[in-house]
PDB file of N, CA and C in Angstrom:
ATOM      1  N   MET A   1       0.886  -1.110   0.060  1.00  0.00           N
ATOM      2  CA  MET A   1       0.022  -0.144  -0.045  1.00  0.00           C
ATOM      3  C   MET A   1       0.816   1.207  -0.043  1.00  0.00           C
ATOM      4  N   ILE A   2       0.555   2.310  -0.786  1.00  0.00           N
ATOM      5  CA  ILE A   2       1.244   3.384  -0.771  1.00  0.00           C
ATOM      6  C   ILE A   2       0.896   4.287   0.523  1.00  0.00           C
ATOM      7  N   ALA A   3       2.037   4.807   1.259  1.00  0.00           N
ATOM      8  CA  ALA A   3       1.881   5.314   2.624  1.00  0.00           C
ATOM      9  C   ALA A   3       0.783   6.305   2.775  1.00  0.00           C
ATOM     10  N   ASP A   4      -0.325   5.912   3.299  1.00  0.00           N
ATOM     11  CA  ASP A   4      -1.563   6.710   3.669  1.00  0.00           C
ATOM     12  C   ASP A   4      -2.036   7.451   2.355  1.00  0.00           C
ATOM     13  N   GLU A   5      -2.025   7.145   1.169  1.00  0.00           N
ATOM     14  CA  GLU A   5      -2.418   7.908   0.275  1.00  0.00           C
ATOM     15  C   GLU A   5      -3.855   7.526  -0.273  1.00  0.00           C
ATOM     16  N   LYS A   6      -4.665   8.357  -0.322  1.00  0.00           N
ATOM     17  CA  LYS A   6      -6.302   7.956  -0.312  1.00  0.00           C
ATOM     18  C   LYS A   6      -6.687   8.305  -1.860  1.00  0.00           C
ATOM     19  N   CYS A   7      -7.508   7.537  -2.500  1.00  0.00           N
ATOM     20  CA  CYS A   7      -8.165   7.722  -3.815  1.00  0.00           C
ATOM     21  C   CYS A   7      -8.861   9.152  -3.860  1.00  0.00           C
ATOM     22  N   ALA A   8      -8.739   9.899  -4.886  1.00  0.00           N
ATOM     23  CA  ALA A   8      -9.224  11.117  -5.147  1.00  0.00           C
ATOM     24  C   ALA A   8     -10.856  11.030  -5.134  1.00  0.00           C
ATOM     25  N   VAL A   9     -11.392   9.748  -5.744  1.00  0.00           N
ATOM     26  CA  VAL A   9     -12.709   9.698  -5.887  1.00  0.00           C
ATOM     27  C   VAL A   9     -13.479   9.228  -4.885  1.00  0.00           C
ATOM     28  N   CYS A  10     -13.071   7.962  -4.352  1.00  0.00           N
ATOM     29  CA  CYS A  10     -13.626   7.180  -3.099  1.00  0.00           C
ATOM     30  C   CYS A  10     -13.026   7.365  -1.922  1.00  0.00           C
ATOM     31  N   LYS A  11     -12.036   8.044  -1.729  1.00  0.00           N
ATOM     32  CA  LYS A  11     -11.375   8.315  -0.596  1.00  0.00           C
ATOM     33  C   LYS A  11     -10.691   6.932   0.147  1.00  0.00           C
ATOM     34  N   GLY A  12     -10.727   5.692  -0.458  1.00  0.00           N
ATOM     35  CA  GLY A  12     -10.223   4.547  -0.019  1.00  0.00           C
ATOM     36  C   GLY A  12      -8.614   4.367  -0.103  1.00  0.00           C
ATOM     37  N   PRO A  13      -8.258   3.349   0.485  1.00  0.00           N
ATOM     38  CA  PRO A  13      -6.780   3.332   0.360  1.00  0.00           C
ATOM     39  C   PRO A  13      -6.270   2.959  -1.030  1.00  0.00           C
ATOM     40  N   ILE A  14      -5.040   3.374  -1.430  1.00  0.00           N
ATOM     41  CA  ILE A  14      -4.461   3.099  -2.729  1.00  0.00           C
ATOM     42  C   ILE A  14      -3.468   1.900  -2.627  1.00  0.00           C
ATOM     43  N   VAL A  15      -3.765   0.788  -3.320  1.00  0.00           N
ATOM     44  CA  VAL A  15      -2.829  -0.332  -3.197  1.00  0.00           C
ATOM     45  C   VAL A  15      -1.933  -0.195  -4.573  1.00  0.00           C
ATOM     46  N   GLN A  16      -2.708   0.203  -5.635  1.00  0.00           N
ATOM     47  CA  GLN A  16      -1.541   0.350  -6.851  1.00  0.00           C
ATOM     48  C   GLN A  16      -2.261   1.746  -7.346  1.00  0.00           C
ATOM     49  N   LYS A  17      -1.272   2.697  -7.443  1.00  0.00           N
ATOM     50  CA  LYS A  17      -1.561   4.055  -7.918  1.00  0.00           C
ATOM     51  C   LYS A  17      -1.787   4.202  -9.511  1.00  0.00           C
ATOM     52  N   TYR A  18      -2.956   4.860  -9.668  1.00  0.00           N
ATOM     53  CA  TYR A  18      -3.217   5.252 -11.025  1.00  0.00           C
ATOM     54  C   TYR A  18      -3.502   6.746 -11.188  1.00  0.00           C
ATOM     55  N   ILE A  19      -2.924   7.313 -12.412  1.00  0.00           N
ATOM     56  CA  ILE A  19      -2.996   8.742 -12.659  1.00  0.00           C
ATOM     57  C   ILE A  19      -3.973   8.827 -13.633  1.00  0.00           C
ATOM     58  N   PRO A  20      -5.136   9.480 -13.226  1.00  0.00           N
ATOM     59  CA  PRO A  20      -6.306  10.203 -14.041  1.00  0.00           C
ATOM     60  C   PRO A  20      -5.975  10.813 -15.491  1.00  0.00           C
ATOM     61  N   MET A  21      -6.548  10.591 -16.370  1.00  0.00           N
ATOM     62  CA  MET A  21      -6.466  11.377 -17.656  1.00  0.00           C
ATOM     63  C   MET A  21      -6.860  12.790 -17.440  1.00  0.00           C
ATOM     64  N   LYS A  22      -6.192  13.683 -17.909  1.00  0.00           N
ATOM     65  CA  LYS A  22      -6.638  15.263 -17.805  1.00  0.00           C
ATOM     66  C   LYS A  22      -8.141  15.349 -17.966  1.00  0.00           C
ATOM     67  N   SER A  23      -8.652  14.679 -19.168  1.00  0.00           N
ATOM     68  CA  SER A  23      -9.833  15.068 -19.443  1.00  0.00           C
ATOM     69  C   SER A  23     -11.019  14.594 -18.490  1.00  0.00           C
ATOM     70  N   TRP A  24     -10.556  13.769 -17.317  1.00  0.00           N
ATOM     71  CA  TRP A  24     -11.233  13.298 -16.457  1.00  0.00           C
ATOM     72  C   TRP A  24     -11.880  14.419 -15.327  1.00  0.00           C
ATOM     73  N   ASN A  25     -10.701  15.490 -15.202  1.00  0.00           N
ATOM     74  CA  ASN A  25     -11.065  16.353 -14.295  1.00  0.00           C
ATOM     75  C   ASN A  25     -10.900  15.833 -12.820  1.00  0.00           C
ATOM     76  N   VAL A  26     -10.057  15.003 -12.661  1.00  0.00           N
ATOM     77  CA  VAL A  26     -10.065  14.624 -11.047  1.00  0.00           C
ATOM     78  C   VAL A  26      -8.434  14.963 -10.689  1.00  0.00           C
ATOM     79  N   ASP A  27      -8.585  15.547  -9.499  1.00  0.00           N
ATOM     80  CA  ASP A  27      -7.301  16.155  -8.912  1.00  0.00           C
ATOM     81  C   ASP A  27      -6.848  15.009  -8.031  1.00  0.00           C
ATOM     82  N   GLY A  28      -5.827  14.295  -8.312  1.00  0.00           N
ATOM     83  CA  GLY A  28      -5.227  13.544  -7.439  1.00  0.00           C
ATOM     84  C   GLY A  28      -5.209  11.947  -8.017  1.00  0.00           C
ATOM     85  N   THR A  29      -4.640  11.233  -7.256  1.00  0.00           N
ATOM     86  CA  THR A  29      -4.614   9.745  -7.905  1.00  0.00           C
ATOM     87  C   THR A  29      -5.634   8.860  -7.516  1.00  0.00           C
ATOM     88  N   LEU A  30      -5.770   7.750  -8.219  1.00  0.00           N
ATOM     89  CA  LEU A  30      -6.978   6.937  -8.038  1.00  0.00           C
ATOM     90  C   LEU A  30      -6.566   5.450  -7.882  1.00  0.00           C
ATOM     91  N   CYS A  31      -7.511   4.769  -6.979  1.00  0.00           N
ATOM     92  CA  CYS A  31      -7.183   3.359  -6.785  1.00  0.00           C
ATOM     93  C   CYS A  31      -7.768   2.555  -8.058  1.00  0.00           C
ATOM     94  N   SER A  32      -7.309   1.298  -7.982  1.00  0.00           N
ATOM     95  CA  SER A  32      -7.792   0.455  -9.191  1.00  0.00           C
ATOM     96  C   SER A  32      -9.241   0.358  -9.535  1.00  0.00           C
ATOM     97  N   ALA A  33     -10.011   0.344  -8.691  1.00  0.00           N
ATOM     98  CA  ALA A  33     -11.481   0.282  -8.895  1.00  0.00           C
ATOM     99  C   ALA A  33     -12.079   1.387  -9.642  1.00  0.00           C
ATOM    100  N   CYS A  34     -11.675   2.788  -8.893  1.00  0.00           N
ATOM    101  CA  CYS A  34     -12.194   3.922  -9.536  1.00  0.00           C
ATOM    102  C   CYS A  34     -11.418   4.310 -10.737  1.00  0.00           C
ATOM    103  N   TYR A  35     -10.154   3.763 -11.099  1.00  0.00           N
ATOM    104  CA  TYR A  35      -9.563   3.919 -12.506  1.00  0.00           C
ATOM    105  C   TYR A  35     -10.494   3.117 -13.581  1.00  0.00           C
ATOM    106  N   SER A  36     -10.857   2.139 -13.038  1.00  0.00           N
ATOM    107  CA  SER A  36     -11.511   1.140 -13.894  1.00  0.00           C
ATOM    108  C   SER A  36     -12.875   1.584 -14.307  1.00  0.00           C
ATOM    109  N   LYS A  37     -13.638   2.313 -13.202  1.00  0.00           N
ATOM    110  CA  LYS A  37     -14.736   2.848 -13.443  1.00  0.00           C
ATOM    111  C   LYS A  37     -14.891   3.955 -14.398  1.00  0.00           C
ATOM    112  N   LYS A  38     -13.760   4.834 -14.313  1.00  0.00           N
ATOM    113  CA  LYS A  38     -13.682   6.051 -15.012  1.00  0.00           C
ATOM    114  C   LYS A  38     -13.293   5.524 -16.480  1.00  0.00           C
ATOM    115  N   LEU A  39     -12.389   4.530 -16.676  1.00  0.00           N
ATOM    116  CA  LEU A  39     -12.158   4.101 -18.029  1.00  0.00           C
ATOM    117  C   LEU A  39     -13.360   3.717 -18.609  1.00  0.00           C
ATOM    118  N   GLY A  40     -14.467   3.006 -18.018  1.00  0.00           N
ATOM    119  CA  GLY A  40     -15.774   2.584 -18.464  1.00  0.00           C
ATOM    120  C   GLY A  40     -16.608   3.672 -18.914  1.00  0.00           C
ATOM    121  N   GLU A  41     -16.632   4.745 -18.041  1.00  0.00           N
ATOM    122  CA  GLU A  41     -17.401   5.928 -18.333  1.00  0.00           C
ATOM    123  C   GLU A  41     -17.035   6.758 -19.799  1.00  0.00           C
ATOM    124  N   TYR A  42     -15.489   6.814 -19.625  1.00  0.00           N
ATOM    125  CA  TYR A  42     -15.039   7.586 -20.728  1.00  0.00           C
ATOM    126  C   TYR A  42     -14.831   6.760 -22.167  1.00  0.00           C
ATOM    127  N   TYR A  43     -14.603   5.603 -21.938  1.00  0.00           N
ATOM    128  CA  TYR A  43     -14.429   4.516 -23.133  1.00  0.00           C
ATOM    129  C   TYR A  43     -15.397   3.363 -23.010  1.00  0.00           C
ATOM    130  N   PRO A  44     -16.595   3.475 -23.376  1.00  0.00           N
ATOM    131  CA  PRO A  44     -17.589   2.500 -23.252  1.00  0.00           C
ATOM    132  C   PRO A  44     -17.253   1.124 -24.130  1.00  0.00           C
ATOM    133  N   GLY A  45     -17.739   0.030 -23.724  1.00  0.00           N
ATOM    134  CA  GLY A  45     -17.296  -1.222 -24.472  1.00  0.00           C
ATOM    135  C   GLY A  45     -16.687  -2.178 -23.592  1.00  0.00           C
ATOM    136  N   GLU A  46     -16.146  -3.226 -24.204  1.00  0.00           N
ATOM    137  CA  GLU A  46     -15.620  -4.176 -23.562  1.00  0.00           C
ATOM    138  C   GLU A  46     -14.161  -4.041 -23.358  1.00  0.00           C
ATOM    139  N   HIS A  47     -13.498  -4.071 -22.155  1.00  0.00           N
ATOM    140  CA  HIS A  47     -12.274  -3.739 -21.821  1.00  0.00           C
ATOM    141  C   HIS A  47     -11.520  -5.210 -21.498  1.00  0.00           C
ATOM    142  N   VAL A  48     -10.638  -5.458 -22.240  1.00  0.00           N
ATOM    143  CA  VAL A  48      -9.894  -6.859 -22.147  1.00  0.00           C
ATOM    144  C   VAL A  48      -8.450  -6.485 -21.289  1.00  0.00           C
ATOM    145  N   ARG A  49      -8.230  -7.183 -20.385  1.00  0.00           N
ATOM    146  CA  ARG A  49      -6.869  -6.931 -19.489  1.00  0.00           C
ATOM    147  C   ARG A  49      -6.062  -7.780 -20.383  1.00  0.00           C
ATOM    148  N   VAL A  50      -4.820  -7.203 -20.401  1.00  0.00           N
ATOM    149  CA  VAL A  50      -3.629  -8.001 -21.200  1.00  0.00           C
ATOM    150  C   VAL A  50      -2.518  -8.188 -20.040  1.00  0.00           C
ATOM    151  N   ASN A  51      -1.656  -9.154 -20.197  1.00  0.00           N
ATOM    152  CA  ASN A  51      -0.461  -9.396 -19.494  1.00  0.00           C
ATOM    153  C   ASN A  51      -0.851  -9.620 -18.160  1.00  0.00           C
ATOM    154  N   THR A  52      -2.020 -10.471 -17.988  1.00  0.00           N
ATOM    155  CA  THR A  52      -2.325 -10.944 -16.506  1.00  0.00           C
ATOM    156  C   THR A  52      -1.608 -12.097 -16.055  1.00  0.00           C
ATOM    157  N   ASP A  53      -0.661 -12.486 -16.820  1.00  0.00           N
ATOM    158  CA  ASP A  53       0.222 -13.590 -16.418  1.00  0.00           C
ATOM    159  C   ASP A  53       1.438 -13.040 -15.498  1.00  0.00           C
ATOM    160  N   LYS A  54       1.535 -11.630 -15.653  1.00  0.00           N
ATOM    161  CA  LYS A  54       2.614 -10.933 -14.894  1.00  0.00           C
ATOM    162  C   LYS A  54       2.144 -10.370 -13.647  1.00  0.00           C
ATOM    163  N   GLU A  55       0.933 -10.542 -13.201  1.00  0.00           N
ATOM    164  CA  GLU A  55       0.381 -10.170 -12.072  1.00  0.00           C
ATOM    165  C   GLU A  55       0.739 -10.951 -10.679  1.00  0.00           C
TER     166      GLU A  55
END
């Protein structure tokens, strides 16, 4: 976990830090759940994860 850093959207703890796109108008970093949710809002359709063997 990143040292006490909170998600700019849900205020939850951040395990993996994501930087929002400028067009999202979000000030701060996002957790993985909020980043995925924002991707779905701005880029509708099916999102397929790649490189899952490296997780």
